[in-house]
């Protein structure tokens, strides 16, 4: 009988972290675990507290309350604060922070212990792994941005930390280079078995790199999960919007159902007269041509089709974006389709929803708009 796989060991734990800068809470009761060999992305808009949480985990800042544990040992709490150099944590920031007066080899060796010969061999090995063999005698100003990023990565890994904290490490790189360097970084981190906390405001970067995403807003963690679950089961409308464009259809609950131009939606758990928002991503709208004013027949999975007219269509390289104005109330909807699909403005199209890809949330008051489908 096969035994169930064990969860990786927790190597960094922040618990009930509160912090402020005197003009309001920056972190409000944040708790999070990092596990050995996994990449955890702190994802959220600027100002949500993700970089502050990273600095507290590193020991660069001290929280107002809460605790930080590294490998099961308390390193920061009400009566204890171990400085960064005593935590055995690697740090990597977006400006790379390389020493301009030191060569590449001496930058990488900075902070390493052991015999000179062993350190030199380790530095050469690390530089070879990131394609910088033979660059040891150069200085940071002689390197490209991508090369500096790779030096900063191996410098952070050289002392062999079990935890690496990375604050927007790829934000200064050219888009053309970014994907390749991300992939190379991820490969090295996997080989090293390092637990990583990566701060980013880019959903694509988090989806590409993370084993676990912690979605932050307003100093709190709203949702923690794998990229697939975070994307396909958002906790609210704003969480869905953070990852992609969305269409919003408003309605009112009647007998646990909500009437829309696309038919009725089941809305269990919501009381009668509650305003709701049905969220659908553009790629989950189905389109069909108008045939003498008669659209496709309703189906159990897609509901009732509704007609609209094209206002604009654009080709984006791997997909086409079609903007429409719906006949029933003039509301805008956006649909995407792979490849080339460029109907002319004014072309009537029928739209139907993939109901298994719709999200239903209580209406956010500030986003409510008047239309014929409100009571």
Protein backbone atom coordinates (compact mmCIF):
# COMPACT_ATOMS: atom_id res chain seq x y z
CA UNK A 1 0.00 0.00 0.00
CA UNK A 2 1.43 3.36 -1.05
CA UNK A 3 1.78 5.88 1.76
CA UNK A 4 0.41 9.37 1.11
CA UNK A 5 3.05 11.93 0.18
CA UNK A 6 4.11 14.10 3.09
CA UNK A 7 3.81 17.86 2.93
CA UNK A 8 7.16 19.66 2.68
CA UNK A 9 8.48 21.01 5.97
CA UNK A 10 7.53 24.55 7.01
CA UNK A 11 10.75 26.59 7.10
CA UNK A 12 9.34 30.10 7.57
CA UNK A 13 6.21 31.02 9.47
CA UNK A 14 4.82 34.51 10.05
CA UNK A 15 1.89 34.61 12.46
CA UNK A 16 -0.66 37.36 13.13
CA UNK A 17 1.64 40.13 11.92
CA UNK A 18 0.46 43.69 12.56
CA UNK A 19 2.43 46.72 11.45
CA UNK A 20 1.91 50.42 10.81
CA UNK A 21 3.92 53.52 10.04
CA UNK A 22 1.91 55.84 12.27
CA UNK A 23 -0.73 56.83 9.71
CA UNK A 24 -2.71 53.59 9.49
CA UNK A 25 -2.27 49.83 9.41
CA UNK A 26 0.05 48.45 6.74
CA UNK A 27 -0.35 44.81 7.81
CA UNK A 28 -3.44 43.64 9.66
CA UNK A 29 -3.17 40.14 11.14
CA UNK A 30 -1.16 38.44 8.37
CA UNK A 31 -0.20 34.77 8.75
CA UNK A 32 1.63 32.67 6.16
CA UNK A 33 3.84 29.58 5.96
CA UNK A 34 6.66 28.88 3.49
CA UNK A 35 7.55 25.26 2.80
CA UNK A 36 10.84 23.73 1.78
CA UNK A 37 11.43 23.71 -1.96
CA UNK A 38 8.30 25.75 -2.78
CA UNK A 39 7.90 29.21 -4.29
CA UNK A 40 5.30 31.39 -2.58
CA UNK A 41 4.36 34.62 -4.37
CA UNK A 42 3.02 37.58 -2.44
CA UNK A 43 0.80 39.11 -5.11
CA UNK A 44 -1.09 42.36 -4.93
CA UNK A 45 -1.24 46.00 -5.99
CA UNK A 46 1.26 48.62 -4.86
CA UNK A 47 0.74 49.62 -1.24
CA UNK A 48 -0.97 46.41 -0.12
CA UNK A 49 1.83 45.53 2.35
CA UNK A 50 3.63 42.72 0.52
CA UNK A 51 7.11 44.31 0.57
CA UNK A 52 6.66 45.25 4.24
CA UNK A 53 5.84 41.63 5.06
CA UNK A 54 8.99 40.49 3.24
CA UNK A 55 11.15 42.99 5.15
CA UNK A 56 9.66 41.82 8.46
CA UNK A 57 10.37 38.19 7.54
CA UNK A 58 13.94 39.19 6.68
CA UNK A 59 14.40 41.11 9.93
CA UNK A 60 15.02 44.42 8.17
CA UNK A 61 11.94 45.81 9.94
CA UNK A 62 10.38 44.82 13.24
CA UNK A 63 6.64 44.27 13.38
CA UNK A 64 4.38 45.99 15.90
CA UNK A 65 3.02 42.60 16.97
CA UNK A 66 3.04 38.97 15.86
CA UNK A 67 5.83 36.43 15.49
CA UNK A 68 8.31 35.15 12.91
CA UNK A 69 9.78 31.64 13.08
CA UNK A 70 12.61 30.22 10.94
CA UNK A 71 12.99 26.43 10.87
CA UNK A 72 10.76 26.15 13.92
CA UNK A 73 12.70 28.66 16.04
CA UNK A 74 11.39 32.06 17.09
CA UNK A 75 13.43 34.88 15.52
CA UNK A 76 11.07 37.80 16.16
CA UNK A 77 8.42 38.37 18.78
CA UNK A 78 7.48 40.64 21.69
CA UNK A 79 10.82 40.18 23.50
CA UNK A 80 13.14 38.95 20.75
CA UNK A 81 14.41 40.24 17.44
CA UNK A 82 17.19 38.38 15.64
CA UNK A 83 18.88 40.66 13.05
CA UNK A 84 18.90 39.70 9.34
CA UNK A 85 22.43 38.26 9.42
CA UNK A 86 21.42 35.84 12.18
CA UNK A 87 18.43 34.32 10.36
CA UNK A 88 20.19 32.40 7.60
CA UNK A 89 17.95 33.97 4.97
CA UNK A 90 19.01 35.06 1.49
CA UNK A 91 17.82 38.44 0.21
CA UNK A 92 17.43 39.72 -3.33
CA UNK A 93 15.97 43.12 -4.19
CA UNK A 94 14.92 44.73 -7.45
CA UNK A 95 17.97 47.01 -7.64
CA UNK A 96 20.23 43.93 -7.21
CA UNK A 97 22.41 45.90 -4.70
CA UNK A 98 25.70 44.65 -6.15
CA UNK A 99 28.85 46.24 -4.73
CA UNK A 100 30.20 48.42 -7.57
CA UNK A 101 33.80 48.31 -6.29
CA UNK A 102 33.94 44.50 -6.15
CA UNK A 103 34.37 42.10 -9.05
CA UNK A 104 31.64 39.61 -9.93
CA UNK A 105 33.50 36.82 -8.13
CA UNK A 106 33.98 38.89 -4.98
CA UNK A 107 30.33 39.96 -5.06
CA UNK A 108 29.22 36.32 -5.17
CA UNK A 109 31.70 35.29 -2.47
CA UNK A 110 30.56 38.06 -0.12
CA UNK A 111 29.01 36.45 2.96
CA UNK A 112 30.35 32.94 2.24
CA UNK A 113 32.27 31.05 4.90
CA UNK A 114 34.93 28.36 4.59
CA UNK A 115 38.35 27.95 3.08
CA UNK A 116 39.38 30.26 0.25
CA UNK A 117 39.88 27.39 -2.21
CA UNK A 118 36.41 25.94 -1.50
CA UNK A 119 34.76 29.35 -1.79
CA UNK A 120 36.47 30.04 -5.11
CA UNK A 121 35.36 26.69 -6.51
CA UNK A 122 31.75 27.30 -5.36
CA UNK A 123 31.70 30.77 -6.94
CA UNK A 124 32.97 29.41 -10.26
CA UNK A 125 30.39 26.61 -10.17
CA UNK A 126 27.51 29.03 -9.52
CA UNK A 127 28.59 31.42 -12.27
CA UNK A 128 28.83 28.52 -14.73
CA UNK A 129 25.28 27.45 -13.82
CA UNK A 130 23.88 30.83 -14.84
CA UNK A 131 25.96 31.12 -18.01
CA UNK A 132 28.48 33.59 -16.59
CA UNK A 133 31.58 31.44 -16.55
CA UNK A 134 34.60 33.63 -17.24
CA UNK A 135 32.85 36.77 -15.96
CA UNK A 136 34.42 36.63 -12.49
CA UNK A 137 36.91 39.44 -13.05
CA UNK A 138 34.38 41.89 -14.46
CA UNK A 139 32.69 44.66 -12.48
CA UNK A 140 28.90 45.22 -12.19
CA UNK A 141 28.94 48.27 -14.49
CA UNK A 142 30.37 46.08 -17.26
CA UNK A 143 27.33 43.76 -17.17
CA UNK A 144 23.89 44.01 -18.74
CA UNK A 145 20.78 44.16 -16.57
CA UNK A 146 20.09 40.47 -17.09
CA UNK A 147 23.67 39.56 -16.20
CA UNK A 148 23.51 41.67 -13.03
CA UNK A 149 20.29 39.90 -12.08
CA UNK A 150 21.96 36.51 -12.40
CA UNK A 151 24.93 37.63 -10.32
CA UNK A 152 22.56 38.89 -7.62
CA UNK A 153 20.75 35.53 -7.66
CA UNK A 154 23.85 33.40 -7.20
CA UNK A 155 25.21 35.80 -4.57
CA UNK A 156 22.00 35.28 -2.57
CA UNK A 157 22.27 31.49 -2.99
CA UNK A 158 26.04 31.18 -2.39
CA UNK A 159 25.87 30.92 1.45
CA UNK A 160 23.34 28.06 1.05
CA UNK A 161 20.27 29.63 2.71
CA UNK A 162 17.19 27.45 3.20
CA UNK A 163 15.02 30.52 2.54
CA UNK A 164 15.32 33.19 -0.16
CA UNK A 165 13.28 36.40 -0.08
CA UNK A 166 12.94 38.21 -3.43
CA UNK A 167 11.38 41.67 -3.78
CA UNK A 168 10.31 42.42 -7.39
CA UNK A 169 13.57 40.92 -8.69
CA UNK A 170 12.63 40.99 -12.39
CA UNK A 171 10.88 44.37 -12.61
CA UNK A 172 13.93 46.21 -13.98
CA UNK A 173 14.53 43.78 -16.84
CA UNK A 174 13.60 44.21 -20.47
CA UNK A 175 10.42 42.32 -21.37
CA UNK A 176 12.30 40.40 -24.05
CA UNK A 177 14.70 38.92 -21.47
CA UNK A 178 12.36 38.56 -18.52
CA UNK A 179 10.70 35.24 -19.32
CA UNK A 180 13.97 33.44 -19.98
CA UNK A 181 15.59 34.74 -16.80
CA UNK A 182 12.52 33.84 -14.75
CA UNK A 183 12.64 30.29 -16.07
CA UNK A 184 16.36 29.98 -15.42
CA UNK A 185 15.95 31.36 -11.89
CA UNK A 186 13.11 28.95 -11.17
CA UNK A 187 15.17 25.98 -12.39
CA UNK A 188 18.07 26.89 -10.08
CA UNK A 189 15.78 27.40 -7.10
CA UNK A 190 14.19 23.99 -7.69
CA UNK A 191 17.62 22.33 -7.87
CA UNK A 192 18.69 24.01 -4.63
CA UNK A 193 15.46 23.06 -2.81
CA UNK A 194 15.16 26.63 -1.52
CA UNK A 195 11.96 27.96 -0.01
CA UNK A 196 11.18 31.27 -1.75
CA UNK A 197 9.02 34.26 -0.90
CA UNK A 198 8.68 36.31 -4.08
CA UNK A 199 7.00 39.74 -4.02
CA UNK A 200 5.36 40.78 -7.28
CA UNK A 201 2.51 42.93 -8.55
CA UNK A 202 2.32 41.00 -11.85
CA UNK A 203 -0.25 38.17 -11.96
CA UNK A 204 1.47 36.58 -14.95
CA UNK A 205 4.75 36.35 -13.03
CA UNK A 206 3.02 34.78 -10.02
CA UNK A 207 1.18 32.27 -12.22
CA UNK A 208 4.42 31.40 -14.01
CA UNK A 209 6.62 30.89 -10.94
CA UNK A 210 4.53 30.08 -7.88
CA UNK A 211 3.62 26.84 -6.20
CA UNK A 212 1.48 28.95 -3.88
CA UNK A 213 0.05 32.45 -4.34
CA UNK A 214 -0.92 34.65 -1.39
CA UNK A 215 -3.21 37.34 -2.79
CA UNK A 216 -2.98 40.53 -0.72
CA UNK A 217 -5.14 43.64 -0.50
CA UNK A 218 -5.24 46.40 2.09
CA UNK A 219 -2.70 44.81 4.44
CA UNK A 220 -4.42 41.42 4.54
CA UNK A 221 -4.08 38.10 2.78
CA UNK A 222 -7.40 37.45 1.06
CA UNK A 223 -6.71 34.06 -0.44
CA UNK A 224 -3.94 31.46 -0.50
CA UNK A 225 -3.71 28.63 -3.00
CA UNK A 226 -2.11 27.22 -6.11
CA UNK A 227 -2.23 29.29 -9.32
CA UNK A 228 -5.03 27.17 -10.82
CA UNK A 229 -7.26 27.49 -7.76
CA UNK A 230 -6.61 31.20 -7.27
CA UNK A 231 -7.46 31.90 -10.92
CA UNK A 232 -10.50 29.64 -11.17
CA UNK A 233 -12.01 30.20 -7.72
CA UNK A 234 -11.51 33.90 -6.84
CA UNK A 235 -12.92 35.06 -3.52
CA UNK A 236 -14.54 38.19 -4.94
CA UNK A 237 -14.86 40.36 -8.03
CA UNK A 238 -11.66 42.32 -7.40
CA UNK A 239 -9.69 39.09 -7.07
CA UNK A 240 -11.02 37.94 -10.45
CA UNK A 241 -10.25 41.35 -12.01
CA UNK A 242 -6.67 41.26 -10.75
CA UNK A 243 -5.85 38.33 -13.04
CA UNK A 244 -7.68 39.37 -16.20
CA UNK A 245 -10.35 41.56 -17.77
CA UNK A 246 -13.85 40.56 -16.73
CA UNK A 247 -17.40 41.20 -17.86
CA UNK A 248 -19.92 42.09 -15.15
CA UNK A 249 -23.63 41.29 -15.47
CA UNK A 250 -25.91 42.63 -12.75
CA UNK A 251 -29.03 40.98 -11.40
CA UNK A 252 -31.37 40.59 -8.42
CA UNK A 253 -32.03 37.38 -6.49
CA UNK A 254 -35.56 35.97 -6.60
CA UNK A 255 -36.24 32.58 -4.99
CA UNK A 256 -32.52 31.67 -5.05
CA UNK A 257 -32.25 32.50 -8.74
CA UNK A 258 -31.12 35.56 -10.67
CA UNK A 259 -32.72 36.56 -13.98
CA UNK A 260 -30.32 37.83 -16.67
CA UNK A 261 -30.46 38.33 -20.45
CA UNK A 262 -28.67 34.96 -20.63
CA UNK A 263 -31.33 33.12 -18.61
CA UNK A 264 -31.61 32.31 -14.93
CA UNK A 265 -28.64 31.62 -12.68
CA UNK A 266 -28.85 29.66 -9.45
CA UNK A 267 -27.71 31.85 -6.56
CA UNK A 268 -28.07 29.71 -3.40
CA UNK A 269 -27.13 31.27 -0.10
CA UNK A 270 -28.18 34.78 -1.14
CA UNK A 271 -31.36 36.35 0.16
CA UNK A 272 -34.21 37.65 -1.97
CA UNK A 273 -33.71 41.15 -3.38
CA UNK A 274 -29.93 40.88 -2.99
CA UNK A 275 -28.03 42.61 -5.79
CA UNK A 276 -25.50 40.27 -7.39
CA UNK A 277 -22.76 40.44 -9.98
CA UNK A 278 -22.17 37.59 -12.39
CA UNK A 279 -18.55 37.66 -13.53
CA UNK A 280 -17.38 36.10 -16.80
CA UNK A 281 -13.95 36.37 -18.38
CA UNK A 282 -13.81 37.39 -22.08
CA UNK A 283 -12.35 34.05 -23.17
CA UNK A 284 -15.32 32.20 -21.71
CA UNK A 285 -17.93 33.95 -23.87
CA UNK A 286 -19.07 31.99 -26.90
CA UNK A 287 -19.88 33.86 -30.11
CA UNK A 288 -22.07 32.88 -33.06
CA UNK A 289 -23.17 34.78 -36.15
CA UNK A 290 -26.68 36.18 -36.43
CA UNK A 291 -28.86 34.15 -38.79
CA UNK A 292 -31.85 36.27 -39.82
CA UNK A 293 -32.30 37.44 -36.26
CA UNK A 294 -32.29 33.92 -34.86
CA UNK A 295 -29.42 32.79 -32.71
CA UNK A 296 -28.35 29.33 -31.57
CA UNK A 297 -30.74 27.29 -29.44
CA UNK A 298 -30.38 27.46 -25.64
CA UNK A 299 -28.40 24.69 -23.96
CA UNK A 300 -28.23 23.46 -20.40
CA UNK A 301 -24.55 24.41 -20.12
CA UNK A 302 -24.65 27.80 -21.85
CA UNK A 303 -28.17 29.06 -21.18
CA UNK A 304 -30.01 31.52 -23.43
CA UNK A 305 -28.01 33.40 -26.09
CA UNK A 306 -28.22 37.21 -26.14
CA UNK A 307 -27.51 39.41 -29.16
CA UNK A 308 -25.12 42.33 -29.48
CA UNK A 309 -23.41 44.40 -32.15
CA UNK A 310 -19.67 44.70 -32.66
CA UNK A 311 -18.21 48.10 -31.77
CA UNK A 312 -14.54 47.24 -32.30
CA UNK A 313 -12.32 44.24 -33.09
CA UNK A 314 -8.55 44.04 -32.67
CA UNK A 315 -5.95 41.40 -33.50
CA UNK A 316 -3.36 40.98 -30.74
CA UNK A 317 -1.04 38.39 -32.26
CA UNK A 318 -2.31 35.18 -30.67
CA UNK A 319 -5.92 36.19 -30.17
CA UNK A 320 -8.58 38.67 -31.24
CA UNK A 321 -10.51 40.98 -28.89
CA UNK A 322 -14.09 41.81 -29.86
CA UNK A 323 -15.99 44.61 -28.07
CA UNK A 324 -19.78 44.49 -28.30
CA UNK A 325 -22.78 46.55 -27.28
CA UNK A 326 -25.64 44.35 -26.10
CA UNK A 327 -29.10 44.83 -27.61
CA UNK A 328 -31.00 44.40 -24.35
CA UNK A 329 -29.62 47.47 -22.54
CA UNK A 330 -26.64 48.84 -24.48
CA UNK A 331 -24.16 47.50 -21.93
CA UNK A 332 -20.63 46.69 -23.15
CA UNK A 333 -19.20 43.18 -23.18
CA UNK A 334 -15.80 41.98 -24.30
CA UNK A 335 -14.99 38.61 -25.84
CA UNK A 336 -11.71 37.04 -26.95
CA UNK A 337 -11.12 34.26 -29.44
CA UNK A 338 -7.88 32.51 -30.47
CA UNK A 339 -6.44 33.47 -33.84
CA UNK A 340 -7.86 36.02 -36.27
CA UNK A 341 -11.50 37.07 -35.92
CA UNK A 342 -12.20 40.65 -37.02
CA UNK A 343 -15.89 41.26 -37.68
CA UNK A 344 -16.72 44.78 -38.83
CA UNK A 345 -18.33 47.32 -36.48
CA UNK A 346 -22.09 46.89 -36.52
CA UNK A 347 -21.96 43.15 -37.18
CA UNK A 348 -24.62 41.37 -35.07
CA UNK A 349 -23.36 38.43 -33.01
CA UNK A 350 -24.99 36.13 -30.51
CA UNK A 351 -23.22 35.58 -27.19
CA UNK A 352 -23.66 32.79 -24.68
CA UNK A 353 -21.96 32.19 -21.35
CA UNK A 354 -19.98 29.21 -20.21
CA UNK A 355 -21.88 28.81 -16.97
CA UNK A 356 -19.23 26.57 -15.44
CA UNK A 357 -16.81 29.50 -15.76
CA UNK A 358 -19.05 32.18 -14.24
CA UNK A 359 -18.62 33.56 -10.72
CA UNK A 360 -21.50 35.01 -8.70
CA UNK A 361 -20.77 37.54 -5.95
CA UNK A 362 -22.85 39.98 -3.89
CA UNK A 363 -22.90 43.32 -5.67
CA UNK A 364 -20.29 45.88 -4.70
CA UNK A 365 -22.28 49.05 -4.04
CA UNK A 366 -19.86 51.35 -5.79
CA UNK A 367 -20.01 49.30 -8.99
CA UNK A 368 -23.79 49.04 -9.30
CA UNK A 369 -25.22 50.58 -12.45
CA UNK A 370 -28.86 51.08 -13.27
CA UNK A 371 -30.28 48.87 -16.00
CA UNK A 372 -33.59 47.14 -16.78
CA UNK A 373 -32.53 44.00 -14.93
CA UNK A 374 -32.51 45.64 -11.52
CA UNK A 375 -35.78 45.56 -9.64
